[in-house]
PDB file of N, CA and C in Angstrom:
ATOM      1  N   MET A   1     179.233 158.654 128.052  1.00  0.00           N
ATOM      2  CA  MET A   1     179.277 157.267 128.456  1.00  0.00           C
ATOM      3  C   MET A   1     180.493 156.606 127.820  1.00  0.00           C
ATOM      4  N   PHE A   2     181.270 155.891 128.632  1.00  0.00           N
ATOM      5  CA  PHE A   2     182.395 155.137 128.104  1.00  0.00           C
ATOM      6  C   PHE A   2     182.608 153.887 128.935  1.00  0.00           C
ATOM      7  N   ALA A   3     183.415 152.989 128.401  1.00  0.00           N
ATOM      8  CA  ALA A   3     183.722 151.738 129.083  1.00  0.00           C
ATOM      9  C   ALA A   3     185.162 151.356 128.774  1.00  0.00           C
ATOM     10  N   VAL A   4     185.728 150.523 129.637  1.00  0.00           N
ATOM     11  CA  VAL A   4     187.046 149.947 129.400  1.00  0.00           C
ATOM     12  C   VAL A   4     186.832 148.456 129.179  1.00  0.00           C
ATOM     13  N   ILE A   5     187.226 147.972 127.987  1.00  0.00           N
ATOM     14  CA  ILE A   5     187.048 146.558 127.668  1.00  0.00           C
ATOM     15  C   ILE A   5     188.407 145.888 127.536  1.00  0.00           C
ATOM     16  N   LYS A   6     188.396 144.572 127.664  1.00  0.00           N
ATOM     17  CA  LYS A   6     189.614 143.792 127.519  1.00  0.00           C
ATOM     18  C   LYS A   6     189.405 142.801 126.378  1.00  0.00           C
ATOM     19  N   THR A   7     190.308 142.818 125.399  1.00  0.00           N
ATOM     20  CA  THR A   7     190.262 141.873 124.293  1.00  0.00           C
ATOM     21  C   THR A   7     191.661 141.715 123.722  1.00  0.00           C
ATOM     22  N   GLY A   8     192.031 140.497 123.409  1.00  0.00           N
ATOM     23  CA  GLY A   8     193.347 140.237 122.825  1.00  0.00           C
ATOM     24  C   GLY A   8     194.490 140.539 123.762  1.00  0.00           C
ATOM     25  N   GLY A   9     194.265 140.482 125.082  1.00  0.00           N
ATOM     26  CA  GLY A   9     195.316 140.753 126.042  1.00  0.00           C
ATOM     27  C   GLY A   9     195.589 142.224 126.266  1.00  0.00           C
ATOM     28  N   LYS A  10     194.771 143.097 125.681  1.00  0.00           N
ATOM     29  CA  LYS A  10     194.949 144.540 125.835  1.00  0.00           C
ATOM     30  C   LYS A  10     193.656 145.159 126.340  1.00  0.00           C
ATOM     31  N   GLN A  11     193.738 146.386 126.834  1.00  0.00           N
ATOM     32  CA  GLN A  11     192.573 147.107 127.328  1.00  0.00           C
ATOM     33  C   GLN A  11     192.353 148.350 126.466  1.00  0.00           C
ATOM     34  N   TYR A  12     191.073 148.652 126.192  1.00  0.00           N
ATOM     35  CA  TYR A  12     190.717 149.772 125.337  1.00  0.00           C
ATOM     36  C   TYR A  12     189.632 150.605 126.002  1.00  0.00           C
ATOM     37  N   ILE A  13     189.748 151.930 125.936  1.00  0.00           N
ATOM     38  CA  ILE A  13     188.691 152.836 126.380  1.00  0.00           C
ATOM     39  C   ILE A  13     187.819 153.103 125.159  1.00  0.00           C
ATOM     40  N   VAL A  14     186.509 152.796 125.272  1.00  0.00           N
ATOM     41  CA  VAL A  14     185.611 152.919 124.120  1.00  0.00           C
ATOM     42  C   VAL A  14     184.362 153.701 124.491  1.00  0.00           C
ATOM     43  N   SER A  15     183.805 154.366 123.494  1.00  0.00           N
ATOM     44  CA  SER A  15     182.524 155.070 123.580  1.00  0.00           C
ATOM     45  C   SER A  15     181.731 154.711 122.332  1.00  0.00           C
ATOM     46  N   PRO A  16     180.409 154.841 122.363  1.00  0.00           N
ATOM     47  CA  PRO A  16     179.642 154.573 121.135  1.00  0.00           C
ATOM     48  C   PRO A  16     180.099 155.481 119.995  1.00  0.00           C
ATOM     49  N   GLY A  17     180.321 154.906 118.832  1.00  0.00           N
ATOM     50  CA  GLY A  17     180.796 155.653 117.667  1.00  0.00           C
ATOM     51  C   GLY A  17     182.292 155.567 117.446  1.00  0.00           C
ATOM     52  N   ASP A  18     183.054 155.067 118.414  1.00  0.00           N
ATOM     53  CA  ASP A  18     184.508 154.938 118.273  1.00  0.00           C
ATOM     54  C   ASP A  18     184.859 153.810 117.312  1.00  0.00           C
ATOM     55  N   LYS A  19     185.980 153.990 116.606  1.00  0.00           N
ATOM     56  CA  LYS A  19     186.542 152.932 115.762  1.00  0.00           C
ATOM     57  C   LYS A  19     187.879 152.540 116.371  1.00  0.00           C
ATOM     58  N   ILE A  20     188.031 151.240 116.668  1.00  0.00           N
ATOM     59  CA  ILE A  20     189.271 150.766 117.284  1.00  0.00           C
ATOM     60  C   ILE A  20     189.854 149.634 116.458  1.00  0.00           C
ATOM     61  N   LYS A  21     191.179 149.522 116.497  1.00  0.00           N
ATOM     62  CA  LYS A  21     191.884 148.423 115.845  1.00  0.00           C
ATOM     63  C   LYS A  21     192.338 147.470 116.935  1.00  0.00           C
ATOM     64  N   ILE A  22     191.833 146.224 116.873  1.00  0.00           N
ATOM     65  CA  ILE A  22     192.125 145.233 117.900  1.00  0.00           C
ATOM     66  C   ILE A  22     192.762 144.011 117.264  1.00  0.00           C
ATOM     67  N   GLU A  23     193.222 143.085 118.100  1.00  0.00           N
ATOM     68  CA  GLU A  23     193.781 141.836 117.602  1.00  0.00           C
ATOM     69  C   GLU A  23     192.738 141.122 116.743  1.00  0.00           C
ATOM     70  N   LYS A  24     193.187 140.356 115.775  1.00  0.00           N
ATOM     71  CA  LYS A  24     192.303 139.728 114.794  1.00  0.00           C
ATOM     72  C   LYS A  24     191.235 138.854 115.446  1.00  0.00           C
ATOM     73  N   LEU A  25     189.981 139.053 115.003  1.00  0.00           N
ATOM     74  CA  LEU A  25     188.846 138.238 115.420  1.00  0.00           C
ATOM     75  C   LEU A  25     188.392 137.391 114.240  1.00  0.00           C
ATOM     76  N   ASP A  26     187.812 136.232 114.525  1.00  0.00           N
ATOM     77  CA  ASP A  26     187.300 135.363 113.460  1.00  0.00           C
ATOM     78  C   ASP A  26     185.868 135.751 113.110  1.00  0.00           C
ATOM     79  N   LYS A  27     185.693 136.963 112.611  1.00  0.00           N
ATOM     80  CA  LYS A  27     184.397 137.475 112.190  1.00  0.00           C
ATOM     81  C   LYS A  27     184.552 138.059 110.802  1.00  0.00           C
ATOM     82  N   LYS A  28     183.458 138.045 110.032  1.00  0.00           N
ATOM     83  CA  LYS A  28     183.476 138.622 108.697  1.00  0.00           C
ATOM     84  C   LYS A  28     183.056 140.084 108.771  1.00  0.00           C
ATOM     85  N   GLU A  29     183.381 140.833 107.726  1.00  0.00           N
ATOM     86  CA  GLU A  29     183.017 142.244 107.667  1.00  0.00           C
ATOM     87  C   GLU A  29     181.501 142.388 107.697  1.00  0.00           C
ATOM     88  N   GLY A  30     181.017 143.297 108.541  1.00  0.00           N
ATOM     89  CA  GLY A  30     179.586 143.524 108.672  1.00  0.00           C
ATOM     90  C   GLY A  30     178.939 142.762 109.823  1.00  0.00           C
ATOM     91  N   GLN A  31     179.620 141.762 110.376  1.00  0.00           N
ATOM     92  CA  GLN A  31     179.072 141.000 111.497  1.00  0.00           C
ATOM     93  C   GLN A  31     179.183 141.784 112.793  1.00  0.00           C
ATOM     94  N   GLU A  32     178.289 141.462 113.732  1.00  0.00           N
ATOM     95  CA  GLU A  32     178.354 142.072 115.057  1.00  0.00           C
ATOM     96  C   GLU A  32     179.211 141.224 115.977  1.00  0.00           C
ATOM     97  N   THR A  33     179.885 141.869 116.896  1.00  0.00           N
ATOM     98  CA  THR A  33     180.675 141.170 117.896  1.00  0.00           C
ATOM     99  C   THR A  33     180.360 141.771 119.257  1.00  0.00           C
ATOM    100  N   THR A  34     180.420 140.939 120.283  1.00  0.00           N
ATOM    101  CA  THR A  34     180.102 141.371 121.638  1.00  0.00           C
ATOM    102  C   THR A  34     181.314 141.175 122.532  1.00  0.00           C
ATOM    103  N   PHE A  35     181.640 142.206 123.299  1.00  0.00           N
ATOM    104  CA  PHE A  35     182.735 142.147 124.262  1.00  0.00           C
ATOM    105  C   PHE A  35     182.107 142.073 125.652  1.00  0.00           C
ATOM    106  N   LYS A  36     182.259 140.934 126.325  1.00  0.00           N
ATOM    107  CA  LYS A  36     181.657 140.746 127.639  1.00  0.00           C
ATOM    108  C   LYS A  36     182.627 141.038 128.772  1.00  0.00           C
ATOM    109  N   GLU A  37     183.904 141.201 128.471  1.00  0.00           N
ATOM    110  CA  GLU A  37     184.893 141.517 129.497  1.00  0.00           C
ATOM    111  C   GLU A  37     184.983 143.037 129.659  1.00  0.00           C
ATOM    112  N   VAL A  38     184.037 143.600 130.422  1.00  0.00           N
ATOM    113  CA  VAL A  38     183.990 145.036 130.688  1.00  0.00           C
ATOM    114  C   VAL A  38     184.607 145.268 132.060  1.00  0.00           C
ATOM    115  N   LEU A  39     185.683 146.041 132.120  1.00  0.00           N
ATOM    116  CA  LEU A  39     186.411 146.274 133.365  1.00  0.00           C
ATOM    117  C   LEU A  39     185.925 147.507 134.118  1.00  0.00           C
ATOM    118  N   LEU A  40     185.429 148.500 133.388  1.00  0.00           N
ATOM    119  CA  LEU A  40     184.984 149.746 133.993  1.00  0.00           C
ATOM    120  C   LEU A  40     183.870 150.317 133.135  1.00  0.00           C
ATOM    121  N   LEU A  41     182.882 150.934 133.777  1.00  0.00           N
ATOM    122  CA  LEU A  41     181.748 151.493 133.055  1.00  0.00           C
ATOM    123  C   LEU A  41     181.374 152.830 133.674  1.00  0.00           C
ATOM    124  N   GLN A  42     181.241 153.862 132.847  1.00  0.00           N
ATOM    125  CA  GLN A  42     180.864 155.184 133.320  1.00  0.00           C
ATOM    126  C   GLN A  42     179.631 155.615 132.542  1.00  0.00           C
ATOM    127  N   LYS A  43     178.542 155.890 133.275  1.00  0.00           N
ATOM    128  CA  LYS A  43     177.299 156.330 132.652  1.00  0.00           C
ATOM    129  C   LYS A  43     176.805 157.548 133.416  1.00  0.00           C
ATOM    130  N   GLY A  44     176.815 158.707 132.760  1.00  0.00           N
ATOM    131  CA  GLY A  44     176.469 159.950 133.455  1.00  0.00           C
ATOM    132  C   GLY A  44     177.529 160.269 134.490  1.00  0.00           C
ATOM    133  N   LYS A  45     177.110 160.431 135.748  1.00  0.00           N
ATOM    134  CA  LYS A  45     178.074 160.680 136.825  1.00  0.00           C
ATOM    135  C   LYS A  45     178.357 159.422 137.622  1.00  0.00           C
ATOM    136  N   LYS A  46     177.741 158.310 137.226  1.00  0.00           N
ATOM    137  CA  LYS A  46     177.916 157.047 137.941  1.00  0.00           C
ATOM    138  C   LYS A  46     179.080 156.268 137.333  1.00  0.00           C
ATOM    139  N   LEU A  47     180.052 155.915 138.164  1.00  0.00           N
ATOM    140  CA  LEU A  47     181.212 155.155 137.731  1.00  0.00           C
ATOM    141  C   LEU A  47     181.177 153.797 138.416  1.00  0.00           C
ATOM    142  N   GLU A  48     181.222 152.732 137.613  1.00  0.00           N
ATOM    143  CA  GLU A  48     181.179 151.383 138.159  1.00  0.00           C
ATOM    144  C   GLU A  48     182.465 150.653 137.779  1.00  0.00           C
ATOM    145  N   VAL A  49     183.203 150.217 138.793  1.00  0.00           N
ATOM    146  CA  VAL A  49     184.465 149.523 138.582  1.00  0.00           C
ATOM    147  C   VAL A  49     184.240 148.055 138.877  1.00  0.00           C
ATOM    148  N   GLY A  50     184.663 147.191 137.972  1.00  0.00           N
ATOM    149  CA  GLY A  50     184.481 145.756 138.144  1.00  0.00           C
ATOM    150  C   GLY A  50     185.511 145.154 139.075  1.00  0.00           C
ATOM    151  N   THR A  51     185.151 143.989 139.628  1.00  0.00           N
ATOM    152  CA  THR A  51     186.076 143.269 140.506  1.00  0.00           C
ATOM    153  C   THR A  51     186.174 141.817 140.078  1.00  0.00           C
ATOM    154  N   PRO A  52     186.813 141.390 139.062  1.00  0.00           N
ATOM    155  CA  PRO A  52     187.526 142.179 138.058  1.00  0.00           C
ATOM    156  C   PRO A  52     186.645 142.662 136.915  1.00  0.00           C
ATOM    157  N   LEU A  53     185.424 142.083 136.729  1.00  0.00           N
ATOM    158  CA  LEU A  53     184.553 142.491 135.631  1.00  0.00           C
ATOM    159  C   LEU A  53     183.267 143.104 136.175  1.00  0.00           C
ATOM    160  N   VAL A  54     182.664 143.989 135.372  1.00  0.00           N
ATOM    161  CA  VAL A  54     181.368 144.575 135.719  1.00  0.00           C
ATOM    162  C   VAL A  54     180.295 143.547 135.353  1.00  0.00           C
ATOM    163  N   LYS A  55     179.449 143.214 136.309  1.00  0.00           N
ATOM    164  CA  LYS A  55     178.409 142.202 136.097  1.00  0.00           C
ATOM    165  C   LYS A  55     177.338 142.726 135.147  1.00  0.00           C
ATOM    166  N   LYS A  56     176.888 141.874 134.240  1.00  0.00           N
ATOM    167  CA  LYS A  56     175.780 142.140 133.312  1.00  0.00           C
ATOM    168  C   LYS A  56     176.032 143.328 132.392  1.00  0.00           C
ATOM    169  N   ALA A  57     177.275 143.604 132.071  1.00  0.00           N
ATOM    170  CA  ALA A  57     177.604 144.695 131.151  1.00  0.00           C
ATOM    171  C   ALA A  57     178.254 144.107 129.908  1.00  0.00           C
ATOM    172  N   LYS A  58     177.939 144.695 128.756  1.00  0.00           N
ATOM    173  CA  LYS A  58     178.569 144.262 127.513  1.00  0.00           C
ATOM    174  C   LYS A  58     178.651 145.426 126.543  1.00  0.00           C
ATOM    175  N   VAL A  59     179.601 145.308 125.635  1.00  0.00           N
ATOM    176  CA  VAL A  59     179.813 146.313 124.600  1.00  0.00           C
ATOM    177  C   VAL A  59     179.619 145.629 123.259  1.00  0.00           C
ATOM    178  N   VAL A  60     178.798 146.232 122.413  1.00  0.00           N
ATOM    179  CA  VAL A  60     178.476 145.658 121.106  1.00  0.00           C
ATOM    180  C   VAL A  60     179.145 146.499 120.031  1.00  0.00           C
ATOM    181  N   GLY A  61     179.764 145.816 119.070  1.00  0.00           N
ATOM    182  CA  GLY A  61     180.433 146.506 117.969  1.00  0.00           C
ATOM    183  C   GLY A  61     180.182 145.818 116.653  1.00  0.00           C
ATOM    184  N   LYS A  62     180.494 146.518 115.573  1.00  0.00           N
ATOM    185  CA  LYS A  62     180.315 145.984 114.224  1.00  0.00           C
ATOM    186  C   LYS A  62     181.682 145.949 113.544  1.00  0.00           C
ATOM    187  N   VAL A  63     182.013 144.809 112.938  1.00  0.00           N
ATOM    188  CA  VAL A  63     183.302 144.650 112.260  1.00  0.00           C
ATOM    189  C   VAL A  63     183.274 145.448 110.959  1.00  0.00           C
ATOM    190  N   ILE A  64     184.220 146.371 110.825  1.00  0.00           N
ATOM    191  CA  ILE A  64     184.307 147.193 109.618  1.00  0.00           C
ATOM    192  C   ILE A  64     185.207 146.531 108.575  1.00  0.00           C
ATOM    193  N   LYS A  65     186.413 146.105 109.005  1.00  0.00           N
ATOM    194  CA  LYS A  65     187.317 145.457 108.047  1.00  0.00           C
ATOM    195  C   LYS A  65     188.353 144.599 108.761  1.00  0.00           C
ATOM    196  N   GLN A  66     188.890 143.644 108.017  1.00  0.00           N
ATOM    197  CA  GLN A  66     190.019 142.809 108.426  1.00  0.00           C
ATOM    198  C   GLN A  66     191.197 143.254 107.564  1.00  0.00           C
ATOM    199  N   ASP A  67     192.325 143.563 108.200  1.00  0.00           N
ATOM    200  CA  ASP A  67     193.452 144.081 107.429  1.00  0.00           C
ATOM    201  C   ASP A  67     194.757 143.761 108.149  1.00  0.00           C
ATOM    202  N   LYS A  68     195.872 144.278 107.607  1.00  0.00           N
ATOM    203  CA  LYS A  68     197.179 144.116 108.228  1.00  0.00           C
ATOM    204  C   LYS A  68     197.806 145.487 108.424  1.00  0.00           C
ATOM    205  N   HIS A  69     198.592 145.644 109.491  1.00  0.00           N
ATOM    206  CA  HIS A  69     199.315 146.880 109.755  1.00  0.00           C
ATOM    207  C   HIS A  69     200.458 147.026 108.737  1.00  0.00           C
ATOM    208  N   LYS A  70     201.164 148.155 108.801  1.00  0.00           N
ATOM    209  CA  LYS A  70     202.338 148.358 107.961  1.00  0.00           C
ATOM    210  C   LYS A  70     203.431 147.383 108.356  1.00  0.00           C
ATOM    211  N   LYS A  71     204.334 147.110 107.431  1.00  0.00           N
ATOM    212  CA  LYS A  71     205.412 146.164 107.689  1.00  0.00           C
ATOM    213  C   LYS A  71     206.411 146.729 108.692  1.00  0.00           C
ATOM    214  N   VAL A  72     206.820 145.870 109.618  1.00  0.00           N
ATOM    215  CA  VAL A  72     207.848 146.202 110.598  1.00  0.00           C
ATOM    216  C   VAL A  72     209.084 145.396 110.236  1.00  0.00           C
ATOM    217  N   ILE A  73     210.231 146.055 110.125  1.00  0.00           N
ATOM    218  CA  ILE A  73     211.482 145.390 109.764  1.00  0.00           C
ATOM    219  C   ILE A  73     212.224 145.012 111.045  1.00  0.00           C
ATOM    220  N   ILE A  74     212.592 143.741 111.142  1.00  0.00           N
ATOM    221  CA  ILE A  74     213.395 143.243 112.254  1.00  0.00           C
ATOM    222  C   ILE A  74     214.786 142.962 111.698  1.00  0.00           C
ATOM    223  N   PHE A  75     215.812 143.650 112.212  1.00  0.00           N
ATOM    224  CA  PHE A  75     217.169 143.478 111.705  1.00  0.00           C
ATOM    225  C   PHE A  75     218.091 143.168 112.873  1.00  0.00           C
ATOM    226  N   LYS A  76     218.722 141.992 112.817  1.00  0.00           N
ATOM    227  CA  LYS A  76     219.685 141.598 113.846  1.00  0.00           C
ATOM    228  C   LYS A  76     221.079 141.663 113.241  1.00  0.00           C
ATOM    229  N   PHE A  77     222.029 142.163 114.024  1.00  0.00           N
ATOM    230  CA  PHE A  77     223.378 142.354 113.504  1.00  0.00           C
ATOM    231  C   PHE A  77     224.395 142.197 114.627  1.00  0.00           C
ATOM    232  N   ARG A  78     225.424 141.401 114.370  1.00  0.00           N
ATOM    233  CA  ARG A  78     226.560 141.259 115.285  1.00  0.00           C
ATOM    234  C   ARG A  78     227.802 141.682 114.505  1.00  0.00           C
ATOM    235  N   ALA A  79     228.471 142.720 114.965  1.00  0.00           N
ATOM    236  CA  ALA A  79     229.538 143.358 114.188  1.00  0.00           C
ATOM    237  C   ALA A  79     230.722 142.438 113.907  1.00  0.00           C
ATOM    238  N   SER A  80     231.260 141.793 114.895  1.00  0.00           N
ATOM    239  CA  SER A  80     232.493 141.027 114.667  1.00  0.00           C
ATOM    240  C   SER A  80     232.241 139.571 114.314  1.00  0.00           C
ATOM    241  N   LYS A  81     231.006 139.154 114.185  1.00  0.00           N
ATOM    242  CA  LYS A  81     230.681 137.752 113.893  1.00  0.00           C
ATOM    243  C   LYS A  81     230.186 137.519 112.465  1.00  0.00           C
ATOM    244  N   ARG A  82     230.069 138.578 111.664  1.00  0.00           N
ATOM    245  CA  ARG A  82     229.524 138.500 110.309  1.00  0.00           C
ATOM    246  C   ARG A  82     228.119 137.897 110.304  1.00  0.00           C
ATOM    247  N   TYR A  83     227.309 138.360 111.218  1.00  0.00           N
ATOM    248  CA  TYR A  83     225.963 137.823 111.393  1.00  0.00           C
ATOM    249  C   TYR A  83     224.940 138.919 111.080  1.00  0.00           C
ATOM    250  N   LYS A  84     224.065 138.673 110.092  1.00  0.00           N
ATOM    251  CA  LYS A  84     223.005 139.595 109.734  1.00  0.00           C
ATOM    252  C   LYS A  84     221.745 138.793 109.446  1.00  0.00           C
ATOM    253  N   VAL A  85     220.618 139.220 110.001  1.00  0.00           N
ATOM    254  CA  VAL A  85     219.322 138.612 109.702  1.00  0.00           C
ATOM    255  C   VAL A  85     218.328 139.749 109.519  1.00  0.00           C
ATOM    256  N   LYS A  86     217.600 139.738 108.398  1.00  0.00           N
ATOM    257  CA  LYS A  86     216.587 140.750 108.147  1.00  0.00           C
ATOM    258  C   LYS A  86     215.256 140.035 107.927  1.00  0.00           C
ATOM    259  N   LYS A  87     214.257 140.415 108.712  1.00  0.00           N
ATOM    260  CA  LYS A  87     212.930 139.817 108.605  1.00  0.00           C
ATOM    261  C   LYS A  87     211.895 140.934 108.576  1.00  0.00           C
ATOM    262  N   GLY A  88     210.757 140.640 108.007  1.00  0.00           N
ATOM    263  CA  GLY A  88     209.631 141.574 108.017  1.00  0.00           C
ATOM    264  C   GLY A  88     208.430 140.907 108.659  1.00  0.00           C
ATOM    265  N   HIS A  89     207.547 141.722 109.227  1.00  0.00           N
ATOM    266  CA  HIS A  89     206.348 141.187 109.877  1.00  0.00           C
ATOM    267  C   HIS A  89     205.198 142.162 109.691  1.00  0.00           C
ATOM    268  N   ARG A  90     204.017 141.634 109.342  1.00  0.00           N
ATOM    269  CA  ARG A  90     202.795 142.438 109.256  1.00  0.00           C
ATOM    270  C   ARG A  90     201.752 141.818 110.164  1.00  0.00           C
ATOM    271  N   GLN A  91     201.383 142.506 111.216  1.00  0.00           N
ATOM    272  CA  GLN A  91     200.407 142.005 112.184  1.00  0.00           C
ATOM    273  C   GLN A  91     198.990 142.201 111.657  1.00  0.00           C
ATOM    274  N   SER A  92     198.159 141.168 111.765  1.00  0.00           N
ATOM    275  CA  SER A  92     196.760 141.255 111.362  1.00  0.00           C
ATOM    276  C   SER A  92     195.958 141.974 112.434  1.00  0.00           C
ATOM    277  N   PHE A  93     194.913 142.704 111.998  1.00  0.00           N
ATOM    278  CA  PHE A  93     194.034 143.368 112.960  1.00  0.00           C
ATOM    279  C   PHE A  93     192.611 143.377 112.424  1.00  0.00           C
ATOM    280  N   THR A  94     191.681 143.654 113.316  1.00  0.00           N
ATOM    281  CA  THR A  94     190.274 143.816 112.973  1.00  0.00           C
ATOM    282  C   THR A  94     189.867 145.215 113.409  1.00  0.00           C
ATOM    283  N   GLU A  95     189.252 145.967 112.503  1.00  0.00           N
ATOM    284  CA  GLU A  95     188.750 147.295 112.858  1.00  0.00           C
ATOM    285  C   GLU A  95     187.277 147.164 113.224  1.00  0.00           C
ATOM    286  N   VAL A  96     186.932 147.638 114.419  1.00  0.00           N
ATOM    287  CA  VAL A  96     185.576 147.504 114.948  1.00  0.00           C
ATOM    288  C   VAL A  96     185.031 148.880 115.280  1.00  0.00           C
ATOM    289  N   GLU A  97     183.776 149.116 114.906  1.00  0.00           N
ATOM    290  CA  GLU A  97     183.075 150.346 115.307  1.00  0.00           C
ATOM    291  C   GLU A  97     182.145 149.999 116.457  1.00  0.00           C
ATOM    292  N   ILE A  98     182.279 150.703 117.573  1.00  0.00           N
ATOM    293  CA  ILE A  98     181.456 150.450 118.748  1.00  0.00           C
ATOM    294  C   ILE A  98     180.080 151.053 118.507  1.00  0.00           C
ATOM    295  N   THR A  99     179.024 150.219 118.598  1.00  0.00           N
ATOM    296  CA  THR A  99     177.674 150.696 118.355  1.00  0.00           C
ATOM    297  C   THR A  99     176.932 151.055 119.628  1.00  0.00           C
ATOM    298  N   LYS A 100     177.059 150.204 120.675  1.00  0.00           N
ATOM    299  CA  LYS A 100     176.365 150.519 121.923  1.00  0.00           C
ATOM    300  C   LYS A 100     177.019 149.842 123.127  1.00  0.00           C
ATOM    301  N   ILE A 101     176.765 150.432 124.279  1.00  0.00           N
ATOM    302  CA  ILE A 101     177.223 149.887 125.561  1.00  0.00           C
ATOM    303  C   ILE A 101     175.960 149.575 126.361  1.00  0.00           C
ATOM    304  N   GLU A 102     175.836 148.324 126.804  1.00  0.00           N
ATOM    305  CA  GLU A 102     174.606 147.890 127.459  1.00  0.00           C
ATOM    306  C   GLU A 102     174.869 147.390 128.870  1.00  0.00           C
ATOM    307  N   ILE A 103     173.859 147.590 129.735  1.00  0.00           N
ATOM    308  CA  ILE A 103     173.827 146.971 131.048  1.00  0.00           C
ATOM    309  C   ILE A 103     172.531 146.183 131.103  1.00  0.00           C
ATOM    310  N   GLU A 104     172.635 144.877 131.288  1.00  0.00           N
ATOM    311  CA  GLU A 104     171.444 144.024 131.277  1.00  0.00           C
ATOM    312  C   GLU A 104     170.667 144.137 132.571  1.00  0.00           C
TER     313      GLU A 104
END
């Protein structure tokens, strides 16, 4: 059984027991979160594709941790203009463990 969910402007293929890193959610560690934007659902040999969402389907997950990715260095340089800019960025994320996929 798996599903395709949409969160944070991205799509993820998930199954129960999967751990995914998604855009930051305003939830504390240990809290449950529900994803109601299910785009595709496969259960056994039955495949259900939403138009655009699957009706009465949801994916439940548990927040494991809130953290930041590794630093990404942004360096801009113009050779003949004596122009240099160096910046760093660390994107926040939420790690979620998928507990169950439900159809109401």
